[in-house]
Amino acid sequence: MKPKSQILLAAAVAVSNVSVAQAHVFIWGVFVNGVDQGTFNGIRTPAYNGPPPRGYSNSPVKDLNSIDMRCNVLGDKQVTHTIKVAPGDNVTLDWHHNNRTVADDVIDFSHHGPALVYLTPDPPTENSFVKIWEKGLYELGPAPFSPGKWATTSDIKANNGLMNFRIPANLKAGFYLIRAEMVGLHEADARFDQNPRRGAQFYPNCVQIEVVGDGAVELPEGVSFPGAYQYDDPGVHYNIYCSTERAPLAPCTDGSTYKIPGPTVWSGAWPETTKVALGPVTGPTTATRWSSW
């Protein structure tokens, strides 16, 4: 008979597998200082093709060597609208799964993981993506094999898909891309390069912005996508139900101390985020899946 701990772990993994088909997410809208810029405006919607109703793909990227790690499927394709921002502005990204309403589930409850924001000049060059915000595992679970509280599920999902950060102070005027992503670690106990049926799930999405004003601060050297993450990174290959952080409660041998993937947050980024009151959503609240075009 299997030990109780193994049974609990198997049950947790089974739950994550059942949830896979209904979990996927991307950015539907952008608020600047609480003002909605319009559904899909400025957003390089994954697999975008044609005018509204826009098609999209909300499936994850798992191949770390794919160009889709940069801005998702067809993410290098320019969109017509660019959002104007100024240094210090509050930006709120509105992530959703099926529709842009408070009834949407945003991302499946099993898809625990970190959330990150990078900034790069547009178009990107080698080593041009600079991390300006991140949040990962911020509270351990109270019981064996409890995944704890993560940015994707206990923060963003719990707040109806809202991700908040600020444009760096005194940033030089010009055209930039915001590269935001959520990461699902529910199958990250395996590596995609060794088991393509599993592995960490990445949901990157890019937003076109124009920074205005007379700032003089340039972004430092950053990282490249693809290339910033490796399959053996402790932030990519990680078992959320069995890690050394929970060793007193859930001993295991294949876990590692969790570290959010990628570089450290740039010292020039805002040290804190500010949640602002949001105005009404403008634009459509539904879209067409690419598979139904």
Protein backbone atom coordinates (compact mmCIF):
# COMPACT_ATOMS: atom_id res chain seq x y z
CA MET A 1 0.00 0.00 0.00
CA LYS A 2 1.32 3.45 -0.91
CA PRO A 3 2.15 5.91 1.88
CA LYS A 4 -0.47 8.60 2.43
CA SER A 5 1.97 11.28 1.23
CA GLN A 6 2.34 9.56 -2.16
CA ILE A 7 -1.42 9.24 -2.52
CA LEU A 8 -1.90 12.95 -1.80
CA LEU A 9 0.76 13.88 -4.33
CA ALA A 10 -0.78 11.67 -7.01
CA ALA A 11 -4.17 13.24 -6.38
CA ALA A 12 -2.74 16.73 -6.70
CA VAL A 13 -1.05 15.90 -10.00
CA ALA A 14 -4.26 14.33 -11.29
CA VAL A 15 -6.17 17.52 -10.56
CA SER A 16 -3.64 19.55 -12.53
CA ASN A 17 -3.95 17.20 -15.50
CA VAL A 18 -7.74 17.38 -15.57
CA SER A 19 -7.61 21.17 -15.58
CA VAL A 20 -5.20 21.61 -18.50
CA ALA A 21 -7.78 22.02 -21.25
CA GLN A 22 -9.56 24.89 -19.57
CA ALA A 23 -6.72 27.00 -18.27
CA HIS A 24 -5.26 29.26 -20.89
CA VAL A 25 -4.89 33.01 -20.72
CA PHE A 26 -3.73 36.18 -22.50
CA ILE A 27 -4.08 39.97 -22.22
CA TRP A 28 -7.41 41.44 -23.35
CA GLY A 29 -7.00 45.04 -22.27
CA VAL A 30 -4.67 47.68 -20.83
CA PHE A 31 -5.53 50.42 -18.33
CA VAL A 32 -3.26 53.47 -17.99
CA ASN A 33 -3.80 55.34 -14.72
CA GLY A 34 -7.16 53.59 -14.47
CA VAL A 35 -8.36 54.47 -18.00
CA ASP A 36 -9.07 51.56 -20.33
CA GLN A 37 -7.29 51.89 -23.68
CA GLY A 38 -9.81 49.65 -25.43
CA THR A 39 -10.07 45.89 -25.81
CA PHE A 40 -7.07 44.49 -27.76
CA ASN A 41 -5.71 47.98 -28.53
CA GLY A 42 -1.92 47.94 -28.58
CA ILE A 43 -1.83 44.24 -27.74
CA ARG A 44 -0.10 41.74 -29.99
CA THR A 45 -2.82 39.20 -29.46
CA PRO A 46 -1.45 35.64 -29.85
CA ALA A 47 -2.20 34.37 -33.38
CA TYR A 48 -4.02 37.61 -34.17
CA ASN A 49 -5.27 37.62 -37.74
CA GLY A 50 -7.52 40.27 -39.21
CA PRO A 51 -9.91 42.93 -37.89
CA PRO A 52 -12.49 42.38 -35.11
CA PRO A 53 -13.86 39.98 -34.18
CA ARG A 54 -10.22 39.09 -33.66
CA GLY A 55 -9.03 35.55 -33.58
CA TYR A 56 -6.66 34.43 -30.88
CA SER A 57 -4.76 31.52 -29.41
CA ASN A 58 -4.62 31.20 -25.65
CA SER A 59 -2.49 28.04 -25.58
CA PRO A 60 0.81 27.97 -23.69
CA VAL A 61 4.33 28.11 -25.08
CA LYS A 62 6.48 25.26 -23.75
CA ASP A 63 9.42 25.14 -26.16
CA LEU A 64 11.98 27.49 -24.58
CA ASN A 65 13.87 27.75 -27.88
CA SER A 66 10.83 28.89 -29.87
CA ILE A 67 10.50 32.46 -31.14
CA ASP A 68 7.03 32.31 -29.57
CA MET A 69 8.75 32.76 -26.18
CA ARG A 70 9.25 36.39 -27.15
CA CYS A 71 5.69 37.61 -27.68
CA ASN A 72 3.71 34.39 -28.30
CA VAL A 73 2.31 33.15 -31.62
CA LEU A 74 2.82 35.77 -34.39
CA GLY A 75 3.99 38.12 -31.65
CA ASP A 76 6.51 39.90 -33.87
CA LYS A 77 3.64 41.15 -36.03
CA GLN A 78 3.01 44.87 -35.46
CA VAL A 79 -0.50 46.00 -34.58
CA THR A 80 -1.95 49.33 -35.66
CA HIS A 81 -2.50 50.90 -32.24
CA THR A 82 0.25 52.00 -29.85
CA ILE A 83 -0.55 53.08 -26.28
CA LYS A 84 0.95 56.33 -25.01
CA VAL A 85 2.36 56.34 -21.48
CA ALA A 86 4.62 58.56 -19.39
CA PRO A 87 7.27 57.65 -16.82
CA GLY A 88 5.59 56.83 -13.52
CA ASP A 89 2.25 55.92 -15.07
CA ASN A 90 0.32 53.07 -13.50
CA VAL A 91 -0.34 50.25 -15.96
CA THR A 92 -2.90 47.53 -15.31
CA LEU A 93 -3.00 44.54 -17.65
CA ASP A 94 -6.35 42.78 -17.91
CA TRP A 95 -5.75 39.02 -18.37
CA HIS A 96 -8.58 36.66 -19.31
CA HIS A 97 -9.34 33.20 -20.60
CA ASN A 98 -12.62 33.20 -22.56
CA ASN A 99 -14.04 36.72 -22.30
CA ARG A 100 -13.35 40.12 -20.78
CA THR A 101 -15.88 40.04 -17.95
CA VAL A 102 -15.74 39.52 -14.20
CA ALA A 103 -17.45 36.15 -14.76
CA ASP A 104 -14.43 34.82 -16.67
CA ASP A 105 -12.26 32.31 -14.79
CA VAL A 106 -9.03 34.06 -15.96
CA ILE A 107 -6.77 31.04 -15.46
CA ASP A 108 -7.44 27.60 -14.02
CA PHE A 109 -7.06 27.23 -10.25
CA SER A 110 -4.36 24.57 -10.77
CA HIS A 111 -2.03 26.81 -12.78
CA HIS A 112 0.08 28.11 -9.92
CA GLY A 113 3.21 30.03 -10.83
CA PRO A 114 4.98 33.38 -11.11
CA ALA A 115 4.07 36.48 -13.09
CA LEU A 116 6.67 38.73 -14.70
CA VAL A 117 6.96 41.96 -16.71
CA TYR A 118 9.82 42.92 -19.03
CA LEU A 119 10.42 46.09 -21.04
CA THR A 120 12.37 46.36 -24.30
CA PRO A 121 12.86 48.96 -27.02
CA ASP A 122 10.70 48.19 -30.04
CA PRO A 123 11.88 46.43 -32.12
CA PRO A 124 13.77 44.19 -29.69
CA THR A 125 17.45 43.46 -30.17
CA GLU A 126 19.79 40.94 -28.59
CA ASN A 127 19.72 41.13 -24.79
CA SER A 128 17.21 43.99 -24.78
CA PHE A 129 14.50 42.62 -22.45
CA VAL A 130 14.78 44.15 -18.96
CA LYS A 131 12.73 42.81 -16.06
CA ILE A 132 10.79 45.55 -14.26
CA TRP A 133 8.38 43.53 -12.09
CA GLU A 134 7.88 40.01 -10.77
CA LYS A 135 5.95 38.06 -8.19
CA GLY A 136 6.16 34.35 -7.45
CA LEU A 137 5.52 32.11 -4.46
CA TYR A 138 4.74 34.46 -1.59
CA GLU A 139 3.21 32.18 1.04
CA LEU A 140 3.81 28.50 1.71
CA GLY A 141 0.87 26.15 1.97
CA PRO A 142 -0.34 25.05 5.43
CA ALA A 143 -0.44 21.31 4.74
CA PRO A 144 1.60 18.65 2.96
CA PHE A 145 1.51 19.06 -0.81
CA SER A 146 -0.44 22.31 -0.64
CA PRO A 147 1.05 24.49 -3.41
CA GLY A 148 0.88 27.71 -1.37
CA LYS A 149 0.02 31.15 -2.70
CA TRP A 150 1.32 32.16 -6.12
CA ALA A 151 1.05 35.29 -8.25
CA THR A 152 -0.98 33.66 -11.03
CA THR A 153 -3.73 32.14 -8.93
CA SER A 154 -3.84 33.76 -5.48
CA ASP A 155 -3.13 37.26 -6.78
CA ILE A 156 -4.02 37.84 -10.45
CA LYS A 157 -6.83 35.27 -10.75
CA ALA A 158 -8.22 36.35 -7.37
CA ASN A 159 -8.28 39.96 -8.62
CA ASN A 160 -10.22 39.18 -11.81
CA GLY A 161 -7.13 39.05 -14.03
CA LEU A 162 -5.52 42.36 -13.08
CA MET A 163 -1.71 42.75 -13.09
CA ASN A 164 -0.32 46.10 -11.86
CA PHE A 165 3.07 47.75 -12.40
CA ARG A 166 4.51 51.19 -13.21
CA ILE A 167 6.53 52.66 -16.06
CA PRO A 168 10.08 53.34 -14.79
CA ALA A 169 10.86 56.88 -13.65
CA ASN A 170 12.57 59.22 -16.13
CA LEU A 171 12.52 56.59 -18.88
CA LYS A 172 13.73 57.95 -22.19
CA ALA A 173 11.00 58.72 -24.72
CA GLY A 174 10.52 56.25 -27.53
CA PHE A 175 8.75 53.10 -28.63
CA TYR A 176 8.84 50.07 -26.37
CA LEU A 177 7.26 46.67 -25.89
CA ILE A 178 5.87 45.49 -22.60
CA ARG A 179 6.45 41.74 -22.40
CA ALA A 180 4.26 40.33 -19.64
CA GLU A 181 3.84 36.67 -18.83
CA MET A 182 2.21 34.24 -16.50
CA VAL A 183 3.77 30.84 -15.91
CA GLY A 184 1.92 27.65 -14.99
CA LEU A 185 4.04 25.22 -12.97
CA HIS A 186 1.42 22.53 -12.45
CA GLU A 187 3.32 20.16 -14.81
CA ALA A 188 6.79 21.59 -14.24
CA ASP A 189 7.91 18.54 -12.27
CA ALA A 190 8.90 17.31 -15.76
CA ARG A 191 11.00 19.07 -18.40
CA PHE A 192 9.40 19.71 -21.79
CA ASP A 193 12.60 18.73 -23.63
CA GLN A 194 12.44 15.33 -21.95
CA ASN A 195 8.66 14.88 -21.83
CA PRO A 196 6.76 17.04 -24.39
CA ARG A 197 3.44 16.08 -22.83
CA ARG A 198 4.40 17.98 -19.69
CA GLY A 199 6.67 20.83 -18.64
CA ALA A 200 6.23 24.43 -17.49
CA GLN A 201 3.63 26.45 -19.41
CA PHE A 202 4.44 30.02 -20.44
CA TYR A 203 1.88 32.65 -21.42
CA PRO A 204 3.86 35.63 -22.79
CA ASN A 205 2.09 38.58 -24.36
CA CYS A 206 3.43 41.89 -25.70
CA VAL A 207 1.94 45.38 -25.68
CA GLN A 208 3.11 48.24 -27.89
CA ILE A 209 3.70 51.50 -26.02
CA GLU A 210 5.15 54.92 -26.74
CA VAL A 211 6.81 56.60 -23.79
CA VAL A 212 6.47 60.38 -23.95
CA GLY A 213 8.16 63.14 -21.98
CA ASP A 214 11.71 64.38 -21.49
CA GLY A 215 13.18 61.45 -19.53
CA ALA A 216 16.81 60.59 -20.17
CA VAL A 217 17.18 57.14 -18.58
CA GLU A 218 17.91 54.32 -21.02
CA LEU A 219 17.27 50.67 -20.32
CA PRO A 220 20.36 48.67 -19.36
CA GLU A 221 21.43 45.45 -21.06
CA GLY A 222 18.91 42.71 -20.46
CA VAL A 223 18.19 39.24 -21.79
CA SER A 224 16.95 37.73 -25.04
CA PHE A 225 13.82 35.77 -25.85
CA PRO A 226 14.22 33.00 -26.65
CA GLY A 227 17.31 32.33 -24.57
CA ALA A 228 16.55 33.83 -21.16
CA TYR A 229 15.22 30.59 -19.67
CA GLN A 230 16.71 27.09 -19.63
CA TYR A 231 14.96 23.78 -19.00
CA ASP A 232 17.02 23.09 -15.88
CA ASP A 233 16.44 26.51 -14.32
CA PRO A 234 15.00 26.09 -10.80
CA GLY A 235 12.21 28.48 -11.78
CA VAL A 236 11.26 26.33 -14.79
CA HIS A 237 11.78 22.75 -13.55
CA TYR A 238 10.00 22.67 -10.21
CA ASN A 239 7.45 20.52 -8.43
CA ILE A 240 4.91 22.77 -6.72
CA TYR A 241 3.60 19.85 -4.66
CA CYS A 242 6.97 18.57 -3.48
CA SER A 243 9.78 21.06 -2.81
CA THR A 244 12.56 21.54 -0.29
CA GLU A 245 10.76 24.60 1.06
CA ARG A 246 8.14 22.20 2.45
CA ALA A 247 10.60 19.50 3.50
CA PRO A 248 9.40 19.34 7.13
CA LEU A 249 5.86 18.67 5.89
CA ALA A 250 6.42 16.97 2.56
CA PRO A 251 9.89 15.42 2.26
CA CYS A 252 11.04 14.82 -1.28
CA THR A 253 14.18 14.50 -3.34
CA ASP A 254 13.26 16.10 -6.67
CA GLY A 255 12.30 19.57 -5.48
CA SER A 256 14.43 22.69 -5.34
CA THR A 257 14.14 26.08 -3.71
CA TYR A 258 11.97 28.15 -6.03
CA LYS A 259 13.56 31.06 -7.88
CA ILE A 260 11.56 33.14 -10.36
CA PRO A 261 13.06 32.57 -13.83
CA GLY A 262 15.12 35.18 -15.61
CA PRO A 263 17.32 38.00 -14.31
CA THR A 264 16.75 40.10 -11.24
CA VAL A 265 14.42 43.09 -11.44
CA TRP A 266 16.19 46.19 -12.76
CA SER A 267 17.24 48.61 -10.03
CA GLY A 268 15.64 51.43 -12.02
CA ALA A 269 12.18 49.87 -11.85
CA TRP A 270 9.58 51.23 -9.43
CA PRO A 271 10.14 49.59 -6.03
CA GLU A 272 6.42 49.16 -5.44
CA THR A 273 3.20 48.75 -7.39
CA THR A 274 0.19 50.99 -6.96
CA LYS A 275 -3.35 49.77 -7.45
CA VAL A 276 -5.61 52.46 -8.86
CA ALA A 277 -9.37 52.64 -9.33
CA LEU A 278 -10.30 51.42 -12.80
CA GLY A 279 -12.82 53.01 -15.13
CA PRO A 280 -15.24 51.10 -17.38
CA VAL A 281 -14.09 48.61 -20.00
CA THR A 282 -14.34 49.94 -23.56
CA GLY A 283 -14.61 47.71 -26.60
CA PRO A 284 -15.76 44.12 -27.16
CA THR A 285 -15.73 41.60 -24.35
CA THR A 286 -15.61 38.50 -26.55
CA ALA A 287 -13.40 37.23 -29.37
CA THR A 288 -13.10 34.24 -31.69
CA ARG A 289 -10.73 31.33 -31.06
CA TRP A 290 -8.24 30.81 -33.93
CA SER A 291 -9.45 27.22 -34.33
CA SER A 292 -12.88 28.50 -35.41
CA TRP A 293 -11.73 30.94 -38.09
